[in-house]
């Protein structure tokens, strides 16, 4: 690779002609020329355009304060909703669970959130009611959001009916018509993190058989 320029992301450092790895994880590549190390961690570092699950911890005149598992609490402006005006400010109780998008994220500053996509539409964003939320590593979140659909979700989805929202900040929300289905799905997802694709499929099928 002597004749091309490459960009090094997190987890990689250049020492002269040698590139060193500075943290454990998987080496990732994105075209045309960027490499980085993706690691699974409990701590979440917010990045713009991340979809995350946040918990409302306080309400102010202009913002909701939201815990997104980052170093700082995030601000969700009261107008950051589809068609948001001063007349129709949403009301959220402390502890409400929201699916939101990170708009701004700078080190040492409170991230800014929105309940709309980039075009101003609500889309899938907003309050998540009922259901069950569990916390996990950021690596499991990325696996559940990967394309094509990871084997554990694919296997469960063929037999069970449920809703799921995955935040890149290591939070997952599951909702189904029965609590037993919700528990099966949550347990399968939690168990899948260290398994290969084939192992995920076998594990999910065993859980489904036990539940019948």
N, C-alpha and C. Protein backbone atom coordinates (compact mmCIF):
# COMPACT_ATOMS: atom_id res chain seq x y z
N UNK A 1 0.83 -1.21 0.00
CA UNK A 1 0.00 0.00 0.00
C UNK A 1 0.87 1.26 0.00
N UNK A 2 2.05 1.14 -0.58
CA UNK A 2 2.98 2.28 -0.54
C UNK A 2 2.53 3.43 -1.43
N UNK A 3 1.68 3.15 -2.42
CA UNK A 3 1.36 4.19 -3.40
C UNK A 3 0.00 4.84 -3.15
N UNK A 4 -0.58 4.66 -1.96
CA UNK A 4 -1.88 5.29 -1.72
C UNK A 4 -1.97 5.84 -0.30
N UNK A 5 -2.82 6.83 -0.16
CA UNK A 5 -3.03 7.45 1.15
C UNK A 5 -4.17 6.72 1.86
N UNK A 6 -3.97 6.43 3.15
CA UNK A 6 -5.05 5.83 3.92
C UNK A 6 -5.35 6.70 5.14
N UNK A 7 -6.59 6.64 5.60
CA UNK A 7 -6.99 7.39 6.79
C UNK A 7 -7.12 6.41 7.96
N UNK A 8 -6.55 6.78 9.09
CA UNK A 8 -6.61 5.93 10.27
C UNK A 8 -7.66 6.50 11.23
N UNK A 9 -8.57 5.64 11.67
CA UNK A 9 -9.57 6.04 12.64
C UNK A 9 -9.19 5.57 14.04
N UNK A 10 -10.17 5.50 14.92
CA UNK A 10 -9.94 5.12 16.31
C UNK A 10 -9.31 3.75 16.44
N UNK A 11 -8.37 3.63 17.40
CA UNK A 11 -7.75 2.33 17.68
C UNK A 11 -6.52 2.03 16.85
N UNK A 12 -6.14 2.94 15.93
CA UNK A 12 -4.93 2.75 15.11
C UNK A 12 -4.03 3.98 15.24
N UNK A 13 -2.70 3.74 15.26
CA UNK A 13 -1.75 4.84 15.37
C UNK A 13 -0.57 4.58 14.45
N UNK A 14 -0.08 5.63 13.82
CA UNK A 14 1.07 5.47 12.93
C UNK A 14 2.37 5.81 13.66
N UNK A 15 3.35 4.89 13.59
CA UNK A 15 4.70 5.12 14.12
C UNK A 15 5.67 4.95 12.96
N UNK A 16 6.03 6.04 12.30
CA UNK A 16 6.91 5.94 11.14
C UNK A 16 6.23 5.15 10.03
N UNK A 17 6.85 4.03 9.63
CA UNK A 17 6.28 3.20 8.57
C UNK A 17 5.36 2.10 9.12
N UNK A 18 5.20 2.08 10.42
CA UNK A 18 4.42 1.00 11.06
C UNK A 18 3.10 1.55 11.60
N UNK A 19 2.03 0.78 11.42
CA UNK A 19 0.74 1.14 12.01
C UNK A 19 0.49 0.22 13.19
N UNK A 20 0.28 0.80 14.36
CA UNK A 20 0.07 0.02 15.58
C UNK A 20 -1.40 0.05 15.99
N UNK A 21 -1.83 -1.04 16.60
CA UNK A 21 -3.19 -1.13 17.13
C UNK A 21 -3.15 -0.71 18.60
N UNK A 22 -4.06 0.18 19.00
CA UNK A 22 -4.03 0.70 20.37
C UNK A 22 -5.18 0.19 21.23
N UNK A 23 -6.09 -0.59 20.65
CA UNK A 23 -7.14 -1.20 21.48
C UNK A 23 -7.64 -2.47 20.81
N UNK A 24 -8.19 -3.37 21.63
CA UNK A 24 -8.68 -4.65 21.11
C UNK A 24 -9.99 -4.46 20.37
N UNK A 25 -10.20 -5.24 19.31
CA UNK A 25 -11.45 -5.14 18.56
C UNK A 25 -11.29 -5.71 17.17
N UNK A 26 -12.27 -5.38 16.32
CA UNK A 26 -12.23 -5.86 14.93
C UNK A 26 -11.74 -4.75 14.00
N UNK A 27 -10.85 -5.12 13.10
CA UNK A 27 -10.38 -4.15 12.11
C UNK A 27 -11.47 -3.94 11.07
N UNK A 28 -11.84 -2.68 10.88
CA UNK A 28 -12.89 -2.34 9.92
C UNK A 28 -12.32 -1.47 8.80
N UNK A 29 -12.96 -1.54 7.65
CA UNK A 29 -12.54 -0.76 6.47
C UNK A 29 -13.76 -0.17 5.80
N UNK A 30 -13.68 1.09 5.42
CA UNK A 30 -14.74 1.68 4.61
C UNK A 30 -14.11 2.36 3.39
N UNK A 31 -14.75 2.18 2.25
CA UNK A 31 -14.21 2.75 1.01
C UNK A 31 -14.26 4.27 1.09
N UNK A 32 -13.32 4.99 0.49
CA UNK A 32 -12.23 4.40 -0.31
C UNK A 32 -11.01 3.97 0.51
N UNK A 33 -10.76 4.60 1.68
CA UNK A 33 -9.43 4.38 2.26
C UNK A 33 -9.36 4.50 3.78
N UNK A 34 -10.47 4.28 4.48
CA UNK A 34 -10.43 4.47 5.94
C UNK A 34 -10.42 3.13 6.68
N UNK A 35 -9.52 3.04 7.66
CA UNK A 35 -9.43 1.86 8.53
C UNK A 35 -9.59 2.29 9.98
N UNK A 36 -10.26 1.46 10.78
CA UNK A 36 -10.35 1.73 12.22
C UNK A 36 -10.60 0.42 12.95
N UNK A 37 -10.47 0.47 14.28
CA UNK A 37 -10.73 -0.71 15.11
C UNK A 37 -12.04 -0.48 15.85
N UNK A 38 -12.97 -1.41 15.65
CA UNK A 38 -14.28 -1.32 16.30
C UNK A 38 -14.26 -2.23 17.52
N UNK A 39 -14.46 -1.64 18.69
CA UNK A 39 -14.42 -2.45 19.90
C UNK A 39 -15.78 -2.43 20.58
N UNK A 40 -16.03 -3.46 21.36
CA UNK A 40 -17.28 -3.57 22.09
C UNK A 40 -17.06 -3.03 23.50
N UNK A 41 -17.81 -2.02 23.88
CA UNK A 41 -17.58 -1.42 25.19
C UNK A 41 -18.90 -1.02 25.83
N UNK A 42 -18.86 -0.93 27.16
CA UNK A 42 -20.05 -0.50 27.90
C UNK A 42 -20.26 1.00 27.72
N UNK A 43 -19.17 1.76 27.69
CA UNK A 43 -19.26 3.20 27.61
C UNK A 43 -19.59 3.64 26.19
N UNK A 44 -20.48 4.58 26.06
CA UNK A 44 -20.91 5.04 24.74
C UNK A 44 -20.37 6.44 24.49
N UNK A 45 -19.79 6.63 23.33
CA UNK A 45 -19.31 7.95 22.91
C UNK A 45 -20.23 8.44 21.80
N UNK A 46 -21.03 9.49 22.05
CA UNK A 46 -22.03 9.93 21.06
C UNK A 46 -21.38 10.43 19.76
N UNK A 47 -22.05 10.12 18.64
CA UNK A 47 -21.62 10.62 17.34
C UNK A 47 -22.85 11.10 16.57
N UNK A 48 -22.70 12.17 15.77
CA UNK A 48 -23.84 12.66 14.99
C UNK A 48 -24.44 11.56 14.12
N UNK A 49 -25.76 11.56 14.03
CA UNK A 49 -26.56 10.62 13.24
C UNK A 49 -26.72 9.25 13.90
N UNK A 50 -26.16 9.04 15.08
CA UNK A 50 -26.43 7.80 15.81
C UNK A 50 -27.90 7.79 16.26
N UNK A 51 -28.55 6.64 16.15
CA UNK A 51 -29.88 6.45 16.74
C UNK A 51 -29.69 5.79 18.10
N UNK A 52 -30.25 6.41 19.14
CA UNK A 52 -30.01 5.93 20.50
C UNK A 52 -31.31 5.87 21.29
N UNK A 53 -31.27 5.09 22.38
CA UNK A 53 -32.39 5.05 23.32
C UNK A 53 -32.02 5.91 24.52
N UNK A 54 -32.85 6.92 24.80
CA UNK A 54 -32.57 7.84 25.89
C UNK A 54 -33.66 7.79 26.95
N UNK A 55 -33.27 8.10 28.18
CA UNK A 55 -34.22 8.15 29.30
C UNK A 55 -34.32 9.59 29.79
N UNK A 56 -35.54 10.12 29.83
CA UNK A 56 -35.75 11.50 30.29
C UNK A 56 -35.47 11.59 31.78
N UNK A 57 -34.56 12.51 32.16
CA UNK A 57 -34.22 12.67 33.58
C UNK A 57 -34.67 14.02 34.15
N UNK A 58 -34.99 14.97 33.26
CA UNK A 58 -35.46 16.28 33.73
C UNK A 58 -36.12 17.01 32.58
N UNK A 59 -36.98 17.95 32.93
CA UNK A 59 -37.70 18.74 31.92
C UNK A 59 -37.52 20.22 32.22
N UNK A 60 -37.12 21.00 31.21
CA UNK A 60 -36.94 22.44 31.37
C UNK A 60 -37.77 23.17 30.33
N UNK A 61 -37.76 24.48 30.39
CA UNK A 61 -38.64 25.24 29.49
C UNK A 61 -38.28 25.04 28.02
N UNK A 62 -36.98 24.91 27.73
CA UNK A 62 -36.55 24.79 26.33
C UNK A 62 -36.06 23.39 25.95
N UNK A 63 -35.72 22.57 26.93
CA UNK A 63 -35.12 21.27 26.65
C UNK A 63 -35.62 20.19 27.61
N UNK A 64 -35.56 18.97 27.12
CA UNK A 64 -35.61 17.80 28.01
C UNK A 64 -34.17 17.36 28.22
N UNK A 65 -33.82 17.00 29.45
CA UNK A 65 -32.50 16.42 29.71
C UNK A 65 -32.62 14.91 29.62
N UNK A 66 -31.76 14.30 28.80
CA UNK A 66 -31.90 12.88 28.48
C UNK A 66 -30.59 12.14 28.74
N UNK A 67 -30.69 11.01 29.43
CA UNK A 67 -29.53 10.14 29.67
C UNK A 67 -29.39 9.19 28.49
N UNK A 68 -28.26 9.30 27.76
CA UNK A 68 -28.02 8.39 26.62
C UNK A 68 -26.79 7.50 26.87
N UNK A 69 -26.39 7.36 28.14
CA UNK A 69 -25.24 6.53 28.53
C UNK A 69 -23.91 7.14 28.10
N UNK A 70 -23.90 8.42 27.76
CA UNK A 70 -22.67 9.08 27.36
C UNK A 70 -22.02 9.77 28.55
N UNK A 71 -20.87 10.43 28.32
CA UNK A 71 -20.19 11.14 29.40
C UNK A 71 -21.03 12.30 29.96
N UNK A 72 -21.87 12.91 29.12
CA UNK A 72 -22.70 14.05 29.54
C UNK A 72 -24.17 13.73 29.25
N UNK A 73 -25.06 14.39 30.01
CA UNK A 73 -26.49 14.32 29.67
C UNK A 73 -26.71 15.03 28.34
N UNK A 74 -27.71 14.60 27.58
CA UNK A 74 -27.99 15.20 26.28
C UNK A 74 -29.20 16.13 26.38
N UNK A 75 -29.24 17.13 25.50
CA UNK A 75 -30.37 18.05 25.42
C UNK A 75 -31.29 17.63 24.27
N UNK A 76 -32.58 17.55 24.52
CA UNK A 76 -33.57 17.34 23.48
C UNK A 76 -34.46 18.58 23.45
N UNK A 77 -34.25 19.51 22.48
CA UNK A 77 -35.06 20.73 22.42
C UNK A 77 -36.54 20.41 22.30
N UNK A 78 -37.36 21.19 22.98
CA UNK A 78 -38.81 20.92 22.97
C UNK A 78 -39.42 21.10 21.58
N UNK A 79 -38.70 21.74 20.67
CA UNK A 79 -39.22 21.92 19.30
C UNK A 79 -38.64 20.90 18.31
N UNK A 80 -37.80 19.96 18.81
CA UNK A 80 -37.13 19.01 17.91
C UNK A 80 -38.01 17.80 17.62
N UNK A 81 -39.27 18.07 17.26
CA UNK A 81 -40.25 17.04 16.92
C UNK A 81 -40.92 17.43 15.61
N UNK A 82 -41.48 16.47 14.91
CA UNK A 82 -42.15 16.78 13.64
C UNK A 82 -43.27 17.79 13.88
N UNK A 83 -43.22 18.92 13.16
CA UNK A 83 -44.23 19.96 13.32
C UNK A 83 -44.20 20.64 14.67
N UNK A 84 -43.04 20.59 15.35
CA UNK A 84 -42.94 21.13 16.70
C UNK A 84 -43.11 22.64 16.75
N UNK A 85 -44.03 23.10 17.59
CA UNK A 85 -44.22 24.53 17.85
C UNK A 85 -44.41 24.72 19.35
N UNK A 86 -44.41 25.98 19.78
CA UNK A 86 -44.61 26.28 21.20
C UNK A 86 -46.00 25.84 21.68
N UNK A 87 -46.93 25.69 20.76
CA UNK A 87 -48.30 25.33 21.15
C UNK A 87 -48.47 23.82 21.39
N UNK A 88 -47.62 23.03 20.79
CA UNK A 88 -47.80 21.58 20.93
C UNK A 88 -46.55 20.88 21.46
N UNK A 89 -45.97 21.47 22.50
CA UNK A 89 -44.79 20.86 23.13
C UNK A 89 -45.18 19.54 23.78
N UNK A 90 -44.47 18.45 23.46
CA UNK A 90 -44.83 17.15 24.05
C UNK A 90 -44.54 17.12 25.55
N UNK A 91 -45.25 16.27 26.24
CA UNK A 91 -45.03 16.11 27.68
C UNK A 91 -44.50 14.70 27.94
N UNK A 92 -43.37 14.63 28.61
CA UNK A 92 -42.79 13.34 28.97
C UNK A 92 -42.55 13.30 30.47
N UNK A 93 -42.91 12.20 31.08
CA UNK A 93 -42.63 12.04 32.50
C UNK A 93 -41.17 11.65 32.69
N UNK A 94 -40.63 11.93 33.88
CA UNK A 94 -39.28 11.49 34.22
C UNK A 94 -39.24 9.97 34.12
N UNK A 95 -38.23 9.45 33.44
CA UNK A 95 -38.12 8.00 33.25
C UNK A 95 -38.66 7.51 31.92
N UNK A 96 -39.30 8.42 31.14
CA UNK A 96 -39.83 8.03 29.82
C UNK A 96 -38.68 7.60 28.91
N UNK A 97 -38.94 6.56 28.12
CA UNK A 97 -37.93 6.03 27.19
C UNK A 97 -38.20 6.57 25.79
N UNK A 98 -37.17 7.15 25.16
CA UNK A 98 -37.32 7.76 23.84
C UNK A 98 -36.32 7.16 22.85
N UNK A 99 -36.78 7.01 21.60
CA UNK A 99 -35.87 6.64 20.51
C UNK A 99 -35.54 7.92 19.77
N UNK A 100 -34.27 8.34 19.81
CA UNK A 100 -33.89 9.67 19.31
C UNK A 100 -32.65 9.59 18.43
N UNK A 101 -32.40 10.68 17.73
CA UNK A 101 -31.23 10.78 16.84
C UNK A 101 -30.28 11.83 17.41
N UNK A 102 -28.98 11.50 17.43
CA UNK A 102 -27.98 12.47 17.86
C UNK A 102 -27.73 13.46 16.72
N UNK A 103 -27.90 14.75 17.01
CA UNK A 103 -27.71 15.79 15.99
C UNK A 103 -26.32 16.40 16.09
N UNK A 104 -25.93 16.75 17.31
CA UNK A 104 -24.60 17.33 17.54
C UNK A 104 -23.92 16.59 18.68
N UNK A 105 -22.61 16.37 18.54
CA UNK A 105 -21.85 15.72 19.60
C UNK A 105 -20.41 16.22 19.56
N UNK A 106 -20.04 17.02 20.54
CA UNK A 106 -18.67 17.52 20.64
C UNK A 106 -18.11 17.18 22.02
N UNK A 107 -16.83 16.78 22.10
CA UNK A 107 -16.25 16.40 23.40
C UNK A 107 -16.42 17.51 24.43
N UNK A 108 -16.82 17.12 25.64
CA UNK A 108 -16.94 18.09 26.72
C UNK A 108 -18.21 18.91 26.70
N UNK A 109 -19.07 18.69 25.70
CA UNK A 109 -20.32 19.45 25.61
C UNK A 109 -21.51 18.49 25.63
N UNK A 110 -22.66 19.01 26.05
CA UNK A 110 -23.86 18.18 26.06
C UNK A 110 -24.31 17.91 24.63
N UNK A 111 -24.47 16.64 24.24
CA UNK A 111 -24.97 16.33 22.89
C UNK A 111 -26.38 16.88 22.69
N UNK A 112 -26.73 17.14 21.44
CA UNK A 112 -28.09 17.59 21.12
C UNK A 112 -28.81 16.48 20.36
N UNK A 113 -30.08 16.27 20.72
CA UNK A 113 -30.87 15.19 20.15
C UNK A 113 -32.04 15.74 19.35
N UNK A 114 -32.67 14.86 18.57
CA UNK A 114 -33.89 15.21 17.86
C UNK A 114 -34.78 13.98 17.76
N UNK A 115 -36.10 14.22 17.72
CA UNK A 115 -37.05 13.13 17.51
C UNK A 115 -37.53 13.11 16.06
N UNK A 116 -36.70 13.61 15.15
CA UNK A 116 -37.01 13.54 13.72
C UNK A 116 -35.79 13.04 12.96
N UNK A 117 -36.03 12.58 11.73
CA UNK A 117 -34.90 12.24 10.87
C UNK A 117 -34.36 13.52 10.23
N UNK A 118 -33.37 13.38 9.35
CA UNK A 118 -32.72 14.55 8.77
C UNK A 118 -33.68 15.42 7.96
N UNK A 119 -34.79 14.83 7.48
CA UNK A 119 -35.75 15.59 6.67
C UNK A 119 -36.86 16.22 7.53
N UNK A 120 -36.77 16.04 8.84
CA UNK A 120 -37.78 16.64 9.73
C UNK A 120 -38.99 15.77 10.00
N UNK A 121 -38.97 14.53 9.50
CA UNK A 121 -40.09 13.61 9.73
C UNK A 121 -39.83 12.77 10.99
N UNK A 122 -40.91 12.41 11.67
CA UNK A 122 -40.76 11.63 12.91
C UNK A 122 -40.22 10.24 12.62
N UNK A 123 -40.66 9.62 11.51
CA UNK A 123 -40.19 8.27 11.19
C UNK A 123 -40.40 7.33 12.35
N UNK A 124 -39.34 6.63 12.73
CA UNK A 124 -39.45 5.66 13.83
C UNK A 124 -39.14 6.29 15.19
N UNK A 125 -38.80 7.59 15.20
CA UNK A 125 -38.38 8.23 16.44
C UNK A 125 -39.57 8.65 17.30
N UNK A 126 -39.34 8.70 18.62
CA UNK A 126 -40.38 9.12 19.54
C UNK A 126 -40.38 8.28 20.81
N UNK A 127 -41.47 8.38 21.57
CA UNK A 127 -41.57 7.66 22.84
C UNK A 127 -41.82 6.18 22.60
N UNK A 128 -41.18 5.35 23.41
CA UNK A 128 -41.38 3.89 23.37
C UNK A 128 -42.18 3.51 24.61
N UNK A 129 -43.39 3.05 24.40
CA UNK A 129 -44.27 2.74 25.52
C UNK A 129 -44.37 1.23 25.72
N UNK A 130 -44.61 0.86 26.98
CA UNK A 130 -44.68 -0.55 27.36
C UNK A 130 -43.36 -1.23 27.00
N UNK A 131 -43.40 -2.53 26.78
CA UNK A 131 -42.18 -3.24 26.39
C UNK A 131 -41.16 -3.34 27.51
N UNK A 132 -39.98 -3.81 27.13
CA UNK A 132 -38.90 -4.06 28.08
C UNK A 132 -37.59 -3.55 27.49
N UNK A 133 -36.84 -2.77 28.28
CA UNK A 133 -35.56 -2.25 27.82
C UNK A 133 -34.43 -2.88 28.63
N UNK A 134 -33.38 -3.34 27.92
CA UNK A 134 -32.20 -3.84 28.64
C UNK A 134 -30.95 -3.17 28.08
N UNK A 135 -29.91 -3.15 28.90
CA UNK A 135 -28.65 -2.54 28.49
C UNK A 135 -27.67 -3.63 28.07
N UNK A 136 -26.81 -3.29 27.12
CA UNK A 136 -25.84 -4.25 26.59
C UNK A 136 -24.60 -3.49 26.15
N UNK A 137 -23.65 -4.17 25.56
CA UNK A 137 -22.46 -3.50 25.04
C UNK A 137 -22.80 -2.82 23.71
N UNK A 138 -21.96 -1.86 23.33
CA UNK A 138 -22.18 -1.19 22.03
C UNK A 138 -21.94 -2.16 20.88
N UNK A 139 -21.10 -3.19 21.12
CA UNK A 139 -20.84 -4.19 20.07
C UNK A 139 -22.07 -5.00 19.75
N UNK A 140 -22.84 -5.38 20.79
CA UNK A 140 -24.08 -6.13 20.54
C UNK A 140 -25.08 -5.26 19.79
N UNK A 141 -25.16 -3.99 20.15
CA UNK A 141 -26.06 -3.08 19.43
C UNK A 141 -25.73 -3.03 17.95
N UNK A 142 -24.45 -2.90 17.63
CA UNK A 142 -24.05 -2.82 16.22
C UNK A 142 -24.35 -4.12 15.49
N UNK A 143 -24.16 -5.25 16.18
CA UNK A 143 -24.46 -6.54 15.54
C UNK A 143 -25.94 -6.65 15.21
N UNK A 144 -26.81 -6.21 16.14
CA UNK A 144 -28.25 -6.31 15.93
C UNK A 144 -28.72 -5.37 14.81
N UNK A 145 -27.96 -4.32 14.55
CA UNK A 145 -28.32 -3.36 13.49
C UNK A 145 -27.64 -3.69 12.16
N UNK A 146 -26.84 -4.74 12.13
CA UNK A 146 -26.06 -5.03 10.93
C UNK A 146 -26.96 -5.50 9.78
N UNK A 147 -26.43 -5.36 8.59
CA UNK A 147 -27.14 -5.81 7.39
C UNK A 147 -26.23 -6.79 6.64
N UNK A 148 -26.71 -7.95 6.20
CA UNK A 148 -28.07 -8.46 6.35
C UNK A 148 -28.41 -8.74 7.82
N UNK A 149 -29.70 -8.96 8.09
CA UNK A 149 -30.17 -9.19 9.45
C UNK A 149 -29.39 -10.31 10.12
N UNK A 150 -28.96 -10.07 11.36
CA UNK A 150 -28.16 -11.10 12.06
C UNK A 150 -29.03 -12.34 12.31
N UNK A 151 -28.39 -13.53 12.36
CA UNK A 151 -29.15 -14.79 12.42
C UNK A 151 -30.12 -14.88 13.59
N UNK A 152 -29.77 -14.34 14.76
CA UNK A 152 -30.67 -14.48 15.92
C UNK A 152 -31.98 -13.74 15.67
N UNK A 153 -31.92 -12.53 15.10
CA UNK A 153 -33.16 -11.78 14.80
C UNK A 153 -33.93 -12.44 13.67
N UNK A 154 -33.20 -12.94 12.67
CA UNK A 154 -33.84 -13.59 11.53
C UNK A 154 -34.61 -14.83 11.99
N UNK A 155 -33.99 -15.64 12.86
CA UNK A 155 -34.62 -16.88 13.34
C UNK A 155 -35.84 -16.57 14.19
N UNK A 156 -35.71 -15.60 15.11
CA UNK A 156 -36.84 -15.25 15.98
C UNK A 156 -37.99 -14.65 15.18
N UNK A 157 -37.65 -13.82 14.20
CA UNK A 157 -38.66 -13.12 13.41
C UNK A 157 -39.52 -14.03 12.57
N UNK A 158 -39.01 -15.22 12.25
CA UNK A 158 -39.79 -16.17 11.45
C UNK A 158 -40.87 -16.87 12.28
N UNK A 159 -40.70 -16.90 13.61
CA UNK A 159 -41.63 -17.63 14.47
C UNK A 159 -42.43 -16.74 15.42
N UNK A 160 -41.88 -15.57 15.74
CA UNK A 160 -42.52 -14.71 16.74
C UNK A 160 -42.84 -13.35 16.17
N UNK A 161 -43.85 -12.71 16.74
CA UNK A 161 -44.21 -11.34 16.35
C UNK A 161 -43.80 -10.39 17.47
N UNK A 162 -42.90 -9.45 17.16
CA UNK A 162 -42.43 -8.52 18.19
C UNK A 162 -41.89 -7.26 17.54
N UNK A 163 -41.80 -6.20 18.34
CA UNK A 163 -41.17 -4.95 17.90
C UNK A 163 -39.84 -4.83 18.60
N UNK A 164 -38.89 -4.16 17.94
CA UNK A 164 -37.58 -3.96 18.56
C UNK A 164 -37.04 -2.60 18.15
N UNK A 165 -36.38 -1.93 19.09
CA UNK A 165 -35.65 -0.69 18.80
C UNK A 165 -34.27 -0.84 19.40
N UNK A 166 -33.25 -0.66 18.57
CA UNK A 166 -31.86 -0.85 19.02
C UNK A 166 -31.15 0.49 18.98
N UNK A 167 -30.60 0.89 20.12
CA UNK A 167 -29.80 2.12 20.17
C UNK A 167 -28.33 1.79 20.09
N UNK A 168 -27.59 2.59 19.34
CA UNK A 168 -26.15 2.37 19.23
C UNK A 168 -25.43 2.64 20.56
N UNK A 169 -26.17 3.16 21.53
CA UNK A 169 -25.58 3.44 22.85
C UNK A 169 -25.68 2.25 23.80
N UNK A 170 -25.98 1.07 23.28
CA UNK A 170 -26.02 -0.11 24.15
C UNK A 170 -27.30 -0.23 24.94
N UNK A 171 -28.42 0.08 24.30
CA UNK A 171 -29.74 -0.14 24.91
C UNK A 171 -30.65 -0.75 23.84
N UNK A 172 -31.45 -1.72 24.26
CA UNK A 172 -32.35 -2.40 23.33
C UNK A 172 -33.73 -2.46 23.97
N UNK A 173 -34.76 -2.15 23.19
CA UNK A 173 -36.15 -2.21 23.65
C UNK A 173 -36.89 -3.27 22.85
N UNK A 174 -37.61 -4.13 23.57
CA UNK A 174 -38.37 -5.21 22.93
C UNK A 174 -39.81 -5.12 23.41
N UNK A 175 -40.77 -5.29 22.50
CA UNK A 175 -42.19 -5.27 22.88
C UNK A 175 -42.92 -6.35 22.10
N UNK A 176 -43.77 -7.10 22.80
CA UNK A 176 -44.57 -8.15 22.16
C UNK A 176 -45.91 -8.22 22.87
N UNK A 177 -46.85 -8.95 22.27
CA UNK A 177 -48.20 -9.02 22.84
C UNK A 177 -48.22 -9.78 24.16
N UNK A 178 -47.25 -10.68 24.37
CA UNK A 178 -47.19 -11.42 25.64
C UNK A 178 -45.82 -11.22 26.29
N UNK A 179 -45.80 -11.20 27.61
CA UNK A 179 -44.54 -11.00 28.33
C UNK A 179 -43.59 -12.18 28.10
N UNK A 180 -44.14 -13.38 27.88
CA UNK A 180 -43.28 -14.55 27.65
C UNK A 180 -42.49 -14.40 26.35
N UNK A 181 -43.14 -13.86 25.30
CA UNK A 181 -42.44 -13.62 24.03
C UNK A 181 -41.35 -12.57 24.22
N UNK A 182 -41.68 -11.51 24.94
CA UNK A 182 -40.70 -10.45 25.20
C UNK A 182 -39.47 -11.02 25.89
N UNK A 183 -39.67 -11.88 26.88
CA UNK A 183 -38.56 -12.48 27.65
C UNK A 183 -37.72 -13.39 26.76
N UNK A 184 -38.38 -14.19 25.91
CA UNK A 184 -37.64 -15.09 25.00
C UNK A 184 -36.72 -14.27 24.08
N UNK A 185 -37.30 -13.22 23.48
CA UNK A 185 -36.52 -12.40 22.54
C UNK A 185 -35.36 -11.72 23.26
N UNK A 186 -35.63 -11.11 24.41
CA UNK A 186 -34.57 -10.41 25.15
C UNK A 186 -33.45 -11.37 25.54
N UNK A 187 -33.81 -12.55 26.06
CA UNK A 187 -32.79 -13.53 26.46
C UNK A 187 -31.96 -13.99 25.27
N UNK A 188 -32.62 -14.23 24.13
CA UNK A 188 -31.90 -14.68 22.94
C UNK A 188 -30.91 -13.62 22.47
N UNK A 189 -31.32 -12.36 22.49
CA UNK A 189 -30.43 -11.28 22.04
C UNK A 189 -29.24 -11.14 22.97
N UNK A 190 -29.49 -11.18 24.29
CA UNK A 190 -28.41 -11.05 25.26
C UNK A 190 -27.41 -12.20 25.11
N UNK A 191 -27.93 -13.41 24.88
CA UNK A 191 -27.06 -14.60 24.77
C UNK A 191 -26.26 -14.65 23.47
N UNK A 192 -26.64 -13.84 22.48
CA UNK A 192 -26.07 -13.99 21.14
C UNK A 192 -24.75 -13.28 20.93
N UNK A 193 -24.36 -12.41 21.87
CA UNK A 193 -23.24 -11.51 21.60
C UNK A 193 -21.95 -12.22 21.22
N UNK A 194 -21.61 -13.29 21.93
CA UNK A 194 -20.32 -13.95 21.69
C UNK A 194 -20.42 -15.14 20.75
N UNK A 195 -21.61 -15.34 20.15
CA UNK A 195 -21.82 -16.52 19.30
C UNK A 195 -21.59 -16.22 17.83
N UNK A 196 -21.18 -17.25 17.09
CA UNK A 196 -21.09 -17.13 15.63
C UNK A 196 -22.51 -17.16 15.06
N UNK A 197 -22.64 -16.88 13.77
CA UNK A 197 -23.94 -16.89 13.13
C UNK A 197 -24.67 -18.22 13.27
N UNK A 198 -23.95 -19.31 13.05
CA UNK A 198 -24.55 -20.65 13.16
C UNK A 198 -24.98 -20.91 14.61
N UNK A 199 -24.13 -20.55 15.56
CA UNK A 199 -24.45 -20.76 16.98
C UNK A 199 -25.67 -19.94 17.40
N UNK A 200 -25.78 -18.71 16.87
CA UNK A 200 -26.95 -17.87 17.17
C UNK A 200 -28.24 -18.56 16.74
N UNK A 201 -28.21 -19.12 15.53
CA UNK A 201 -29.39 -19.78 14.98
C UNK A 201 -29.80 -20.98 15.84
N UNK A 202 -28.81 -21.79 16.23
CA UNK A 202 -29.09 -22.98 17.05
C UNK A 202 -29.64 -22.57 18.40
N UNK A 203 -29.02 -21.56 19.03
CA UNK A 203 -29.46 -21.10 20.35
C UNK A 203 -30.89 -20.57 20.29
N UNK A 204 -31.21 -19.76 19.27
CA UNK A 204 -32.55 -19.20 19.15
C UNK A 204 -33.59 -20.30 18.91
N UNK A 205 -33.24 -21.28 18.10
CA UNK A 205 -34.17 -22.40 17.82
C UNK A 205 -34.45 -23.21 19.09
N UNK A 206 -33.40 -23.41 19.93
CA UNK A 206 -33.58 -24.14 21.20
C UNK A 206 -34.52 -23.37 22.13
N UNK A 207 -34.33 -22.05 22.22
CA UNK A 207 -35.20 -21.23 23.06
C UNK A 207 -36.67 -21.32 22.59
N UNK A 208 -36.84 -21.29 21.27
CA UNK A 208 -38.20 -21.37 20.70
C UNK A 208 -38.84 -22.72 21.00
N UNK A 209 -38.05 -23.80 20.91
CA UNK A 209 -38.58 -25.14 21.19
C UNK A 209 -39.02 -25.26 22.65
N UNK A 210 -38.20 -24.72 23.56
CA UNK A 210 -38.54 -24.78 24.98
C UNK A 210 -39.82 -24.03 25.29
N UNK A 211 -40.06 -22.98 24.51
CA UNK A 211 -41.21 -22.13 24.80
C UNK A 211 -42.53 -22.70 24.26
N UNK A 212 -42.44 -23.69 23.40
CA UNK A 212 -43.67 -24.24 22.78
C UNK A 212 -44.46 -25.09 23.77
